[in-house]
């Protein structure tokens, strides 16, 4: 089993490896059954608490490399930035280093797919001060039969215009038309504008998607198509 080794001057870091298998619906002709290891990286520093989970799949080196590089490189970049940022906040607040809580960097994942496609949805939560942390999503969709990463058009057979139309219609209904709180007209208009912008028919708006048997879902991060309080939006496209 592959393990990661990190040499650190402060605090401690360790990596654990466990195994899992995700089995799809046995009644579906799109049955998904892929084995993978779960890599766990944990580190506690005075300025940053880290816990990272990510999968590594059997016999899929290209996919594994993309997953590992994306997650670990982003973490290292944030760790480099967060040390000075944390020290600056501590100094600005005139607090001792032991009194200011550390920042947080947390990564979890979900795995789905079908007979040919492996989908990984990576959820990264970062807290570096302020009223709340921030969540970002990354999706990787890998066609094992063709040994390549695919976009939502290849996965769904739909154009960006068709995907956009489907998503916008469902978001209007979910966030505006079905609202029971008596939302003011100006707020409805504001959310409608966010939906139109965030789900405009272009590639960058539909990079975060997953395949689950015969279903395809698209995801939107907070602030993408609605205010932060609405959370992550998950829409069935096909």
Foldseek 3Di string as FASTA:
>chain_A
DDDDDDDDDFWDKDKDKDKDWDWADPVFPFIDTWIWIWIWMFTDGLAETEIAIDIDTPPQVVVNVVGVCVVVVVVVVVVVVRVVLSVVVCVVVVHDSNPDHHKYWYKDWDWAGTNFKIKIKIWIWTGRDDDGIFIDIAMWIAGNVVGGTDAPCVLPVDALVLLLVQQLVVCCCVPPVVDPPPDDPVQSVVLNVLSCQLSPSDRVSFRAWDDHRPWIKGKDAAPNRHHPVVGIDIDIRD
